[in-house]
Amino acid sequence: MLALTPEQHALLKLPDPFGFLPKLAAEIRRDLPREVSHLNDQQLLAEVQRSYDHAAFELKLTRLPTLVKWVKFDVVSGGKLRQEPAVDLAIRNAPNPNLAAEDMLASAIAQSYWED
């Protein structure tokens, strides 16, 4: 009998990336056109794929709203969430990666509002 870890089970519950990621890229293009205007559709989809793969498979983010928020913020920031070692380590070492990511995203989003 096949036994899945809770993490594997959670990953299997995520939507199929082949159908989901193009829709997410289109949503980013629709909602944040100025921030991604420098990317053509193929480049945008590639960035969404890289961000999604990192968040889901490296950081183990399995809560869909958190994952969507993460990908959107990461893509419009040019991959800064993926590239920041402190963020990466904090989420990887957190007892609940989804909660740690939500905390970091809330802080980053709040900070970006204050900077405008």
PDB file of N, CA and C in Angstrom:
ATOM      1  N   MET A   1       0.838  -1.171   0.000  1.00  0.00           N
ATOM      2  CA  MET A   1       0.000   0.000   0.000  1.00  0.00           C
ATOM      3  C   MET A   1       0.886   1.238   0.000  1.00  0.00           C
ATOM      4  N   LEU A   2       0.459   2.223  -0.765  1.00  0.00           N
ATOM      5  CA  LEU A   2       1.178   3.480  -0.864  1.00  0.00           C
ATOM      6  C   LEU A   2       0.813   4.365   0.322  1.00  0.00           C
ATOM      7  N   ALA A   3       1.827   4.855   1.000  1.00  0.00           N
ATOM      8  CA  ALA A   3       1.594   5.744   2.132  1.00  0.00           C
ATOM      9  C   ALA A   3       2.193   7.109   1.799  1.00  0.00           C
ATOM     10  N   LEU A   4       1.373   8.139   1.903  1.00  0.00           N
ATOM     11  CA  LEU A   4       1.832   9.493   1.623  1.00  0.00           C
ATOM     12  C   LEU A   4       2.052  10.254   2.923  1.00  0.00           C
ATOM     13  N   THR A   5       3.077  11.080   2.908  1.00  0.00           N
ATOM     14  CA  THR A   5       3.283  11.969   4.046  1.00  0.00           C
ATOM     15  C   THR A   5       2.230  13.076   3.961  1.00  0.00           C
ATOM     16  N   PRO A   6       1.965  13.758   5.053  1.00  0.00           N
ATOM     17  CA  PRO A   6       1.021  14.887   4.993  1.00  0.00           C
ATOM     18  C   PRO A   6       1.440  15.935   3.950  1.00  0.00           C
ATOM     19  N   GLU A   7       2.735  16.162   3.819  1.00  0.00           N
ATOM     20  CA  GLU A   7       3.244  17.118   2.840  1.00  0.00           C
ATOM     21  C   GLU A   7       2.925  16.662   1.410  1.00  0.00           C
ATOM     22  N   GLN A   8       3.153  15.392   1.113  1.00  0.00           N
ATOM     23  CA  GLN A   8       2.852  14.857  -0.214  1.00  0.00           C
ATOM     24  C   GLN A   8       1.354  14.928  -0.501  1.00  0.00           C
ATOM     25  N   HIS A   9       0.561  14.610   0.490  1.00  0.00           N
ATOM     26  CA  HIS A   9      -0.892  14.674   0.335  1.00  0.00           C
ATOM     27  C   HIS A   9      -1.331  16.108   0.024  1.00  0.00           C
ATOM     28  N   ALA A  10      -0.757  17.069   0.720  1.00  0.00           N
ATOM     29  CA  ALA A  10      -1.103  18.478   0.500  1.00  0.00           C
ATOM     30  C   ALA A  10      -0.699  18.932  -0.904  1.00  0.00           C
ATOM     31  N   LEU A  11       0.477  18.506  -1.365  1.00  0.00           N
ATOM     32  CA  LEU A  11       0.918  18.864  -2.711  1.00  0.00           C
ATOM     33  C   LEU A  11      -0.003  18.277  -3.773  1.00  0.00           C
ATOM     34  N   LEU A  12      -0.484  17.075  -3.542  1.00  0.00           N
ATOM     35  CA  LEU A  12      -1.396  16.443  -4.500  1.00  0.00           C
ATOM     36  C   LEU A  12      -2.745  17.155  -4.574  1.00  0.00           C
ATOM     37  N   LYS A  13      -3.109  17.866  -3.545  1.00  0.00           N
ATOM     38  CA  LYS A  13      -4.377  18.592  -3.529  1.00  0.00           C
ATOM     39  C   LYS A  13      -4.316  19.903  -4.320  1.00  0.00           C
ATOM     40  N   LEU A  14      -3.120  20.375  -4.636  1.00  0.00           N
ATOM     41  CA  LEU A  14      -2.994  21.610  -5.405  1.00  0.00           C
ATOM     42  C   LEU A  14      -3.507  21.387  -6.824  1.00  0.00           C
ATOM     43  N   PRO A  15      -3.990  22.449  -7.477  1.00  0.00           N
ATOM     44  CA  PRO A  15      -4.484  22.289  -8.848  1.00  0.00           C
ATOM     45  C   PRO A  15      -3.366  21.875  -9.802  1.00  0.00           C
ATOM     46  N   ASP A  16      -3.749  21.253 -10.899  1.00  0.00           N
ATOM     47  CA  ASP A  16      -2.797  20.835 -11.924  1.00  0.00           C
ATOM     48  C   ASP A  16      -2.088  22.066 -12.490  1.00  0.00           C
ATOM     49  N   PRO A  17      -0.768  22.143 -12.365  1.00  0.00           N
ATOM     50  CA  PRO A  17      -0.045  23.338 -12.829  1.00  0.00           C
ATOM     51  C   PRO A  17      -0.255  23.646 -14.318  1.00  0.00           C
ATOM     52  N   PHE A  18      -0.429  22.628 -15.150  1.00  0.00           N
ATOM     53  CA  PHE A  18      -0.568  22.869 -16.591  1.00  0.00           C
ATOM     54  C   PHE A  18      -1.827  23.659 -16.927  1.00  0.00           C
ATOM     55  N   GLY A  19      -2.867  23.500 -16.167  1.00  0.00           N
ATOM     56  CA  GLY A  19      -4.087  24.272 -16.378  1.00  0.00           C
ATOM     57  C   GLY A  19      -4.145  25.518 -15.523  1.00  0.00           C
ATOM     58  N   PHE A  20      -3.547  25.441 -14.343  1.00  0.00           N
ATOM     59  CA  PHE A  20      -3.643  26.520 -13.359  1.00  0.00           C
ATOM     60  C   PHE A  20      -2.696  27.685 -13.650  1.00  0.00           C
ATOM     61  N   LEU A  21      -1.458  27.395 -14.005  1.00  0.00           N
ATOM     62  CA  LEU A  21      -0.462  28.453 -14.149  1.00  0.00           C
ATOM     63  C   LEU A  21      -0.756  29.426 -15.292  1.00  0.00           C
ATOM     64  N   PRO A  22      -1.234  28.976 -16.452  1.00  0.00           N
ATOM     65  CA  PRO A  22      -1.613  29.962 -17.480  1.00  0.00           C
ATOM     66  C   PRO A  22      -2.733  30.893 -17.001  1.00  0.00           C
ATOM     67  N   LYS A  23      -3.669  30.362 -16.229  1.00  0.00           N
ATOM     68  CA  LYS A  23      -4.743  31.200 -15.693  1.00  0.00           C
ATOM     69  C   LYS A  23      -4.191  32.204 -14.688  1.00  0.00           C
ATOM     70  N   LEU A  24      -3.246  31.764 -13.868  1.00  0.00           N
ATOM     71  CA  LEU A  24      -2.627  32.665 -12.895  1.00  0.00           C
ATOM     72  C   LEU A  24      -1.821  33.757 -13.614  1.00  0.00           C
ATOM     73  N   ALA A  25      -1.091  33.380 -14.658  1.00  0.00           N
ATOM     74  CA  ALA A  25      -0.337  34.375 -15.434  1.00  0.00           C
ATOM     75  C   ALA A  25      -1.284  35.396 -16.066  1.00  0.00           C
ATOM     76  N   ALA A  26      -2.407  34.933 -16.593  1.00  0.00           N
ATOM     77  CA  ALA A  26      -3.394  35.842 -17.186  1.00  0.00           C
ATOM     78  C   ALA A  26      -3.983  36.773 -16.126  1.00  0.00           C
ATOM     79  N   GLU A  27      -4.202  36.250 -14.931  1.00  0.00           N
ATOM     80  CA  GLU A  27      -4.721  37.072 -13.834  1.00  0.00           C
ATOM     81  C   GLU A  27      -3.710  38.146 -13.436  1.00  0.00           C
ATOM     82  N   ILE A  28      -2.448  37.773 -13.386  1.00  0.00           N
ATOM     83  CA  ILE A  28      -1.400  38.752 -13.062  1.00  0.00           C
ATOM     84  C   ILE A  28      -1.352  39.829 -14.141  1.00  0.00           C
ATOM     85  N   ARG A  29      -1.413  39.419 -15.404  1.00  0.00           N
ATOM     86  CA  ARG A  29      -1.397  40.377 -16.520  1.00  0.00           C
ATOM     87  C   ARG A  29      -2.599  41.326 -16.420  1.00  0.00           C
ATOM     88  N   ARG A  30      -3.761  40.786 -16.081  1.00  0.00           N
ATOM     89  CA  ARG A  30      -4.981  41.596 -15.978  1.00  0.00           C
ATOM     90  C   ARG A  30      -4.928  42.558 -14.785  1.00  0.00           C
ATOM     91  N   ASP A  31      -4.508  42.038 -13.626  1.00  0.00           N
ATOM     92  CA  ASP A  31      -4.564  42.824 -12.391  1.00  0.00           C
ATOM     93  C   ASP A  31      -3.366  43.748 -12.187  1.00  0.00           C
ATOM     94  N   LEU A  32      -2.224  43.381 -12.736  1.00  0.00           N
ATOM     95  CA  LEU A  32      -0.991  44.148 -12.508  1.00  0.00           C
ATOM     96  C   LEU A  32      -0.265  44.412 -13.833  1.00  0.00           C
ATOM     97  N   PRO A  33      -0.957  44.981 -14.808  1.00  0.00           N
ATOM     98  CA  PRO A  33      -0.358  45.129 -16.149  1.00  0.00           C
ATOM     99  C   PRO A  33       0.905  45.987 -16.166  1.00  0.00           C
ATOM    100  N   ARG A  34       0.925  47.035 -15.390  1.00  0.00           N
ATOM    101  CA  ARG A  34       2.094  47.922 -15.383  1.00  0.00           C
ATOM    102  C   ARG A  34       3.334  47.204 -14.845  1.00  0.00           C
ATOM    103  N   GLU A  35       3.143  46.409 -13.803  1.00  0.00           N
ATOM    104  CA  GLU A  35       4.268  45.736 -13.159  1.00  0.00           C
ATOM    105  C   GLU A  35       4.888  44.642 -14.021  1.00  0.00           C
ATOM    106  N   VAL A  36       4.119  44.087 -14.967  1.00  0.00           N
ATOM    107  CA  VAL A  36       4.642  43.006 -15.812  1.00  0.00           C
ATOM    108  C   VAL A  36       4.679  43.400 -17.286  1.00  0.00           C
ATOM    109  N   SER A  37       4.589  44.689 -17.565  1.00  0.00           N
ATOM    110  CA  SER A  37       4.564  45.147 -18.958  1.00  0.00           C
ATOM    111  C   SER A  37       5.860  44.837 -19.704  1.00  0.00           C
ATOM    112  N   HIS A  38       6.947  44.664 -18.997  1.00  0.00           N
ATOM    113  CA  HIS A  38       8.235  44.364 -19.623  1.00  0.00           C
ATOM    114  C   HIS A  38       8.369  42.891 -20.024  1.00  0.00           C
ATOM    115  N   LEU A  39       7.399  42.068 -19.643  1.00  0.00           N
ATOM    116  CA  LEU A  39       7.427  40.637 -19.960  1.00  0.00           C
ATOM    117  C   LEU A  39       6.392  40.321 -21.032  1.00  0.00           C
ATOM    118  N   ASN A  40       6.802  39.547 -22.059  1.00  0.00           N
ATOM    119  CA  ASN A  40       5.800  39.070 -22.990  1.00  0.00           C
ATOM    120  C   ASN A  40       5.077  37.889 -22.344  1.00  0.00           C
ATOM    121  N   ASP A  41       4.068  37.357 -22.989  1.00  0.00           N
ATOM    122  CA  ASP A  41       3.258  36.299 -22.374  1.00  0.00           C
ATOM    123  C   ASP A  41       4.066  35.051 -22.039  1.00  0.00           C
ATOM    124  N   GLN A  42       4.986  34.669 -22.905  1.00  0.00           N
ATOM    125  CA  GLN A  42       5.819  33.482 -22.633  1.00  0.00           C
ATOM    126  C   GLN A  42       6.749  33.726 -21.449  1.00  0.00           C
ATOM    127  N   GLN A  43       7.332  34.894 -21.386  1.00  0.00           N
ATOM    128  CA  GLN A  43       8.220  35.225 -20.274  1.00  0.00           C
ATOM    129  C   GLN A  43       7.444  35.270 -18.961  1.00  0.00           C
ATOM    130  N   LEU A  44       6.253  35.846 -19.002  1.00  0.00           N
ATOM    131  CA  LEU A  44       5.428  35.909 -17.801  1.00  0.00           C
ATOM    132  C   LEU A  44       5.076  34.511 -17.318  1.00  0.00           C
ATOM    133  N   LEU A  45       4.652  33.657 -18.230  1.00  0.00           N
ATOM    134  CA  LEU A  45       4.313  32.285 -17.846  1.00  0.00           C
ATOM    135  C   LEU A  45       5.536  31.558 -17.282  1.00  0.00           C
ATOM    136  N   ALA A  46       6.702  31.786 -17.858  1.00  0.00           N
ATOM    137  CA  ALA A  46       7.929  31.155 -17.351  1.00  0.00           C
ATOM    138  C   ALA A  46       8.247  31.644 -15.935  1.00  0.00           C
ATOM    139  N   GLU A  47       8.062  32.932 -15.681  1.00  0.00           N
ATOM    140  CA  GLU A  47       8.292  33.472 -14.339  1.00  0.00           C
ATOM    141  C   GLU A  47       7.289  32.909 -13.338  1.00  0.00           C
ATOM    142  N   VAL A  48       6.044  32.809 -13.748  1.00  0.00           N
ATOM    143  CA  VAL A  48       5.009  32.226 -12.885  1.00  0.00           C
ATOM    144  C   VAL A  48       5.382  30.781 -12.561  1.00  0.00           C
ATOM    145  N   GLN A  49       5.831  30.025 -13.558  1.00  0.00           N
ATOM    146  CA  GLN A  49       6.228  28.625 -13.358  1.00  0.00           C
ATOM    147  C   GLN A  49       7.397  28.522 -12.383  1.00  0.00           C
ATOM    148  N   ARG A  50       8.419  29.360 -12.567  1.00  0.00           N
ATOM    149  CA  ARG A  50       9.585  29.325 -11.666  1.00  0.00           C
ATOM    150  C   ARG A  50       9.187  29.654 -10.229  1.00  0.00           C
ATOM    151  N   SER A  51       8.376  30.671 -10.081  1.00  0.00           N
ATOM    152  CA  SER A  51       7.955  31.084  -8.750  1.00  0.00           C
ATOM    153  C   SER A  51       7.085  30.011  -8.093  1.00  0.00           C
ATOM    154  N   TYR A  52       6.149  29.466  -8.841  1.00  0.00           N
ATOM    155  CA  TYR A  52       5.264  28.416  -8.335  1.00  0.00           C
ATOM    156  C   TYR A  52       6.076  27.188  -7.911  1.00  0.00           C
ATOM    157  N   ASP A  53       6.980  26.751  -8.776  1.00  0.00           N
ATOM    158  CA  ASP A  53       7.795  25.569  -8.458  1.00  0.00           C
ATOM    159  C   ASP A  53       8.610  25.790  -7.197  1.00  0.00           C
ATOM    160  N   HIS A  54       9.198  26.963  -7.071  1.00  0.00           N
ATOM    161  CA  HIS A  54      10.001  27.248  -5.877  1.00  0.00           C
ATOM    162  C   HIS A  54       9.119  27.238  -4.627  1.00  0.00           C
ATOM    163  N   ALA A  55       7.985  27.911  -4.717  1.00  0.00           N
ATOM    164  CA  ALA A  55       7.104  28.017  -3.551  1.00  0.00           C
ATOM    165  C   ALA A  55       6.508  26.669  -3.157  1.00  0.00           C
ATOM    166  N   ALA A  56       6.026  25.925  -4.133  1.00  0.00           N
ATOM    167  CA  ALA A  56       5.349  24.665  -3.825  1.00  0.00           C
ATOM    168  C   ALA A  56       6.322  23.541  -3.483  1.00  0.00           C
ATOM    169  N   PHE A  57       7.387  23.428  -4.253  1.00  0.00           N
ATOM    170  CA  PHE A  57       8.246  22.259  -4.102  1.00  0.00           C
ATOM    171  C   PHE A  57       9.482  22.492  -3.253  1.00  0.00           C
ATOM    172  N   GLU A  58       9.965  23.710  -3.213  1.00  0.00           N
ATOM    173  CA  GLU A  58      11.132  24.001  -2.381  1.00  0.00           C
ATOM    174  C   GLU A  58      10.721  24.482  -0.992  1.00  0.00           C
ATOM    175  N   LEU A  59       9.767  25.418  -0.962  1.00  0.00           N
ATOM    176  CA  LEU A  59       9.358  25.992   0.325  1.00  0.00           C
ATOM    177  C   LEU A  59       8.203  25.233   0.967  1.00  0.00           C
ATOM    178  N   LYS A  60       7.567  24.351   0.195  1.00  0.00           N
ATOM    179  CA  LYS A  60       6.461  23.509   0.688  1.00  0.00           C
ATOM    180  C   LYS A  60       5.210  24.319   1.033  1.00  0.00           C
ATOM    181  N   LEU A  61       4.936  25.371   0.249  1.00  0.00           N
ATOM    182  CA  LEU A  61       3.698  26.113   0.434  1.00  0.00           C
ATOM    183  C   LEU A  61       2.575  25.315  -0.224  1.00  0.00           C
ATOM    184  N   THR A  62       1.586  24.952   0.555  1.00  0.00           N
ATOM    185  CA  THR A  62       0.527  24.085   0.052  1.00  0.00           C
ATOM    186  C   THR A  62      -0.867  24.680   0.250  1.00  0.00           C
ATOM    187  N   ARG A  63      -0.951  25.832   0.855  1.00  0.00           N
ATOM    188  CA  ARG A  63      -2.247  26.511   1.010  1.00  0.00           C
ATOM    189  C   ARG A  63      -2.428  27.385  -0.222  1.00  0.00           C
ATOM    190  N   LEU A  64      -3.433  27.091  -1.031  1.00  0.00           N
ATOM    191  CA  LEU A  64      -3.582  27.737  -2.334  1.00  0.00           C
ATOM    192  C   LEU A  64      -3.627  29.265  -2.274  1.00  0.00           C
ATOM    193  N   PRO A  65      -4.406  29.894  -1.379  1.00  0.00           N
ATOM    194  CA  PRO A  65      -4.386  31.362  -1.344  1.00  0.00           C
ATOM    195  C   PRO A  65      -2.991  31.935  -1.034  1.00  0.00           C
ATOM    196  N   THR A  66      -2.253  31.275  -0.169  1.00  0.00           N
ATOM    197  CA  THR A  66      -0.891  31.713   0.151  1.00  0.00           C
ATOM    198  C   THR A  66       0.008  31.545  -1.063  1.00  0.00           C
ATOM    199  N   LEU A  67      -0.122  30.431  -1.726  1.00  0.00           N
ATOM    200  CA  LEU A  67       0.699  30.149  -2.904  1.00  0.00           C
ATOM    201  C   LEU A  67       0.427  31.166  -4.016  1.00  0.00           C
ATOM    202  N   VAL A  68      -0.826  31.493  -4.251  1.00  0.00           N
ATOM    203  CA  VAL A  68      -1.185  32.470  -5.278  1.00  0.00           C
ATOM    204  C   VAL A  68      -0.614  33.842  -4.918  1.00  0.00           C
ATOM    205  N   LYS A  69      -0.790  34.239  -3.674  1.00  0.00           N
ATOM    206  CA  LYS A  69      -0.265  35.535  -3.218  1.00  0.00           C
ATOM    207  C   LYS A  69       1.257  35.584  -3.374  1.00  0.00           C
ATOM    208  N   TRP A  70       1.903  34.488  -2.994  1.00  0.00           N
ATOM    209  CA  TRP A  70       3.363  34.396  -3.091  1.00  0.00           C
ATOM    210  C   TRP A  70       3.802  34.570  -4.543  1.00  0.00           C
ATOM    211  N   VAL A  71       3.189  33.813  -5.451  1.00  0.00           N
ATOM    212  CA  VAL A  71       3.585  33.864  -6.859  1.00  0.00           C
ATOM    213  C   VAL A  71       3.361  35.265  -7.424  1.00  0.00           C
ATOM    214  N   LYS A  72       2.228  35.863  -7.128  1.00  0.00           N
ATOM    215  CA  LYS A  72       1.960  37.206  -7.643  1.00  0.00           C
ATOM    216  C   LYS A  72       3.015  38.197  -7.151  1.00  0.00           C
ATOM    217  N   PHE A  73       3.284  38.193  -5.862  1.00  0.00           N
ATOM    218  CA  PHE A  73       4.254  39.139  -5.309  1.00  0.00           C
ATOM    219  C   PHE A  73       5.654  38.862  -5.847  1.00  0.00           C
ATOM    220  N   ASP A  74       6.007  37.603  -5.934  1.00  0.00           N
ATOM    221  CA  ASP A  74       7.334  37.237  -6.421  1.00  0.00           C
ATOM    222  C   ASP A  74       7.518  37.645  -7.878  1.00  0.00           C
ATOM    223  N   VAL A  75       6.533  37.395  -8.705  1.00  0.00           N
ATOM    224  CA  VAL A  75       6.642  37.718 -10.132  1.00  0.00           C
ATOM    225  C   VAL A  75       6.727  39.225 -10.344  1.00  0.00           C
ATOM    226  N   VAL A  76       5.864  39.987  -9.688  1.00  0.00           N
ATOM    227  CA  VAL A  76       5.897  41.444  -9.912  1.00  0.00           C
ATOM    228  C   VAL A  76       7.131  42.095  -9.291  1.00  0.00           C
ATOM    229  N   SER A  77       7.769  41.410  -8.354  1.00  0.00           N
ATOM    230  CA  SER A  77       8.996  41.962  -7.759  1.00  0.00           C
ATOM    231  C   SER A  77      10.252  41.487  -8.492  1.00  0.00           C
ATOM    232  N   GLY A  78      10.067  40.787  -9.591  1.00  0.00           N
ATOM    233  CA  GLY A  78      11.225  40.300 -10.342  1.00  0.00           C
ATOM    234  C   GLY A  78      11.933  39.138  -9.679  1.00  0.00           C
ATOM    235  N   GLY A  79      11.202  38.361  -8.897  1.00  0.00           N
ATOM    236  CA  GLY A  79      11.780  37.182  -8.258  1.00  0.00           C
ATOM    237  C   GLY A  79      12.498  37.464  -6.956  1.00  0.00           C
ATOM    238  N   LYS A  80      12.255  38.616  -6.370  1.00  0.00           N
ATOM    239  CA  LYS A  80      12.985  38.980  -5.147  1.00  0.00           C
ATOM    240  C   LYS A  80      12.684  38.057  -3.971  1.00  0.00           C
ATOM    241  N   LEU A  81      11.481  37.545  -3.886  1.00  0.00           N
ATOM    242  CA  LEU A  81      11.184  36.612  -2.788  1.00  0.00           C
ATOM    243  C   LEU A  81      12.008  35.341  -2.929  1.00  0.00           C
ATOM    244  N   ARG A  82      12.103  34.842  -4.141  1.00  0.00           N
ATOM    245  CA  ARG A  82      12.881  33.622  -4.400  1.00  0.00           C
ATOM    246  C   ARG A  82      14.357  33.833  -4.146  1.00  0.00           C
ATOM    247  N   GLN A  83      14.832  35.033  -4.403  1.00  0.00           N
ATOM    248  CA  GLN A  83      16.266  35.303  -4.363  1.00  0.00           C
ATOM    249  C   GLN A  83      16.772  35.757  -2.997  1.00  0.00           C
ATOM    250  N   GLU A  84      15.880  36.007  -2.074  1.00  0.00           N
ATOM    251  CA  GLU A  84      16.281  36.516  -0.760  1.00  0.00           C
ATOM    252  C   GLU A  84      16.558  35.348   0.194  1.00  0.00           C
ATOM    253  N   PRO A  85      17.834  35.109   0.543  1.00  0.00           N
ATOM    254  CA  PRO A  85      18.177  33.972   1.404  1.00  0.00           C
ATOM    255  C   PRO A  85      17.488  33.991   2.766  1.00  0.00           C
ATOM    256  N   ALA A  86      17.325  35.156   3.357  1.00  0.00           N
ATOM    257  CA  ALA A  86      16.700  35.226   4.688  1.00  0.00           C
ATOM    258  C   ALA A  86      15.245  34.773   4.627  1.00  0.00           C
ATOM    259  N   VAL A  87      14.545  35.159   3.587  1.00  0.00           N
ATOM    260  CA  VAL A  87      13.151  34.734   3.410  1.00  0.00           C
ATOM    261  C   VAL A  87      13.100  33.225   3.218  1.00  0.00           C
ATOM    262  N   ASP A  88      13.954  32.738   2.354  1.00  0.00           N
ATOM    263  CA  ASP A  88      14.007  31.311   2.057  1.00  0.00           C
ATOM    264  C   ASP A  88      14.258  30.487   3.321  1.00  0.00           C
ATOM    265  N   LEU A  89      15.259  30.867   4.077  1.00  0.00           N
ATOM    266  CA  LEU A  89      15.598  30.126   5.301  1.00  0.00           C
ATOM    267  C   LEU A  89      14.496  30.188   6.347  1.00  0.00           C
ATOM    268  N   ALA A  90      13.913  31.359   6.498  1.00  0.00           N
ATOM    269  CA  ALA A  90      12.849  31.510   7.498  1.00  0.00           C
ATOM    270  C   ALA A  90      11.661  30.616   7.185  1.00  0.00           C
ATOM    271  N   ILE A  91      11.293  30.535   5.926  1.00  0.00           N
ATOM    272  CA  ILE A  91      10.142  29.704   5.557  1.00  0.00           C
ATOM    273  C   ILE A  91      10.500  28.227   5.616  1.00  0.00           C
ATOM    274  N   ARG A  92      11.668  27.863   5.115  1.00  0.00           N
ATOM    275  CA  ARG A  92      12.084  26.450   5.141  1.00  0.00           C
ATOM    276  C   ARG A  92      12.189  25.905   6.562  1.00  0.00           C
ATOM    277  N   ASN A  93      12.594  26.753   7.499  1.00  0.00           N
ATOM    278  CA  ASN A  93      12.801  26.310   8.881  1.00  0.00           C
ATOM    279  C   ASN A  93      11.587  26.512   9.779  1.00  0.00           C
ATOM    280  N   ALA A  94      10.534  27.061   9.230  1.00  0.00           N
ATOM    281  CA  ALA A  94       9.331  27.328  10.039  1.00  0.00           C
ATOM    282  C   ALA A  94       8.548  26.033  10.270  1.00  0.00           C
ATOM    283  N   PRO A  95       7.952  25.884  11.433  1.00  0.00           N
ATOM    284  CA  PRO A  95       7.114  24.708  11.680  1.00  0.00           C
ATOM    285  C   PRO A  95       5.911  24.659  10.723  1.00  0.00           C
ATOM    286  N   ASN A  96       5.419  25.841  10.328  1.00  0.00           N
ATOM    287  CA  ASN A  96       4.313  25.927   9.380  1.00  0.00           C
ATOM    288  C   ASN A  96       4.729  26.889   8.267  1.00  0.00           C
ATOM    289  N   PRO A  97       5.246  26.365   7.145  1.00  0.00           N
ATOM    290  CA  PRO A  97       5.718  27.238   6.067  1.00  0.00           C
ATOM    291  C   PRO A  97       4.641  28.168   5.522  1.00  0.00           C
ATOM    292  N   ASN A  98       3.396  27.706   5.459  1.00  0.00           N
ATOM    293  CA  ASN A  98       2.319  28.554   4.946  1.00  0.00           C
ATOM    294  C   ASN A  98       2.105  29.779   5.832  1.00  0.00           C
ATOM    295  N   LEU A  99       2.121  29.564   7.125  1.00  0.00           N
ATOM    296  CA  LEU A  99       1.937  30.662   8.067  1.00  0.00           C
ATOM    297  C   LEU A  99       3.119  31.636   8.007  1.00  0.00           C
ATOM    298  N   ALA A 100       4.327  31.104   7.924  1.00  0.00           N
ATOM    299  CA  ALA A 100       5.516  31.960   7.822  1.00  0.00           C
ATOM    300  C   ALA A 100       5.473  32.787   6.540  1.00  0.00           C
ATOM    301  N   ALA A 101       5.049  32.174   5.447  1.00  0.00           N
ATOM    302  CA  ALA A 101       4.946  32.906   4.182  1.00  0.00           C
ATOM    303  C   ALA A 101       3.880  33.992   4.269  1.00  0.00           C
ATOM    304  N   GLU A 102       2.749  33.675   4.885  1.00  0.00           N
ATOM    305  CA  GLU A 102       1.686  34.675   5.049  1.00  0.00           C
ATOM    306  C   GLU A 102       2.193  35.877   5.851  1.00  0.00           C
ATOM    307  N   ASP A 103       2.932  35.611   6.924  1.00  0.00           N
ATOM    308  CA  ASP A 103       3.491  36.695   7.736  1.00  0.00           C
ATOM    309  C   ASP A 103       4.436  37.570   6.912  1.00  0.00           C
ATOM    310  N   MET A 104       5.310  36.935   6.151  1.00  0.00           N
ATOM    311  CA  MET A 104       6.272  37.687   5.343  1.00  0.00           C
ATOM    312  C   MET A 104       5.572  38.473   4.244  1.00  0.00           C
ATOM    313  N   LEU A 105       4.587  37.856   3.622  1.00  0.00           N
ATOM    314  CA  LEU A 105       3.849  38.553   2.565  1.00  0.00           C
ATOM    315  C   LEU A 105       3.091  39.749   3.119  1.00  0.00           C
ATOM    316  N   ALA A 106       2.463  39.581   4.273  1.00  0.00           N
ATOM    317  CA  ALA A 106       1.732  40.695   4.885  1.00  0.00           C
ATOM    318  C   ALA A 106       2.682  41.856   5.176  1.00  0.00           C
ATOM    319  N   SER A 107       3.835  41.530   5.686  1.00  0.00           N
ATOM    320  CA  SER A 107       4.828  42.569   5.984  1.00  0.00           C
ATOM    321  C   SER A 107       5.315  43.237   4.706  1.00  0.00           C
ATOM    322  N   ALA A 108       5.617  42.463   3.691  1.00  0.00           N
ATOM    323  CA  ALA A 108       6.124  43.015   2.429  1.00  0.00           C
ATOM    324  C   ALA A 108       5.066  43.863   1.737  1.00  0.00           C
ATOM    325  N   ILE A 109       3.834  43.406   1.752  1.00  0.00           N
ATOM    326  CA  ILE A 109       2.748  44.162   1.121  1.00  0.00           C
ATOM    327  C   ILE A 109       2.505  45.466   1.870  1.00  0.00           C
ATOM    328  N   ALA A 110       2.496  45.401   3.196  1.00  0.00           N
ATOM    329  CA  ALA A 110       2.313  46.616   3.996  1.00  0.00           C
ATOM    330  C   ALA A 110       3.443  47.603   3.732  1.00  0.00           C
ATOM    331  N   GLN A 111       4.645  47.109   3.667  1.00  0.00           N
ATOM    332  CA  GLN A 111       5.802  47.979   3.418  1.00  0.00           C
ATOM    333  C   GLN A 111       5.686  48.633   2.047  1.00  0.00           C
ATOM    334  N   SER A 112       5.246  47.887   1.050  1.00  0.00           N
ATOM    335  CA  SER A 112       5.142  48.469  -0.305  1.00  0.00           C
ATOM    336  C   SER A 112       4.063  49.553  -0.347  1.00  0.00           C
ATOM    337  N   TYR A 113       3.003  49.418   0.439  1.00  0.00           N
ATOM    338  CA  TYR A 113       1.986  50.464   0.507  1.00  0.00           C
ATOM    339  C   TYR A 113       2.549  51.727   1.149  1.00  0.00           C
ATOM    340  N   TRP A 114       3.363  51.571   2.169  1.00  0.00           N
ATOM    341  CA  TRP A 114       3.921  52.741   2.861  1.00  0.00           C
ATOM    342  C   TRP A 114       4.940  53.476   2.014  1.00  0.00           C
ATOM    343  N   GLU A 115       5.609  52.745   1.116  1.00  0.00           N
ATOM    344  CA  GLU A 115       6.653  53.367   0.289  1.00  0.00           C
ATOM    345  C   GLU A 115       6.087  54.203  -0.832  1.00  0.00           C
ATOM    346  N   ASP A 116       4.833  53.969  -1.234  1.00  0.00           N
ATOM    347  CA  ASP A 116       4.245  54.718  -2.355  1.00  0.00           C
ATOM    348  C   ASP A 116       3.995  56.148  -2.042  1.00  0.00           C
TER     349      ASP A 116
END
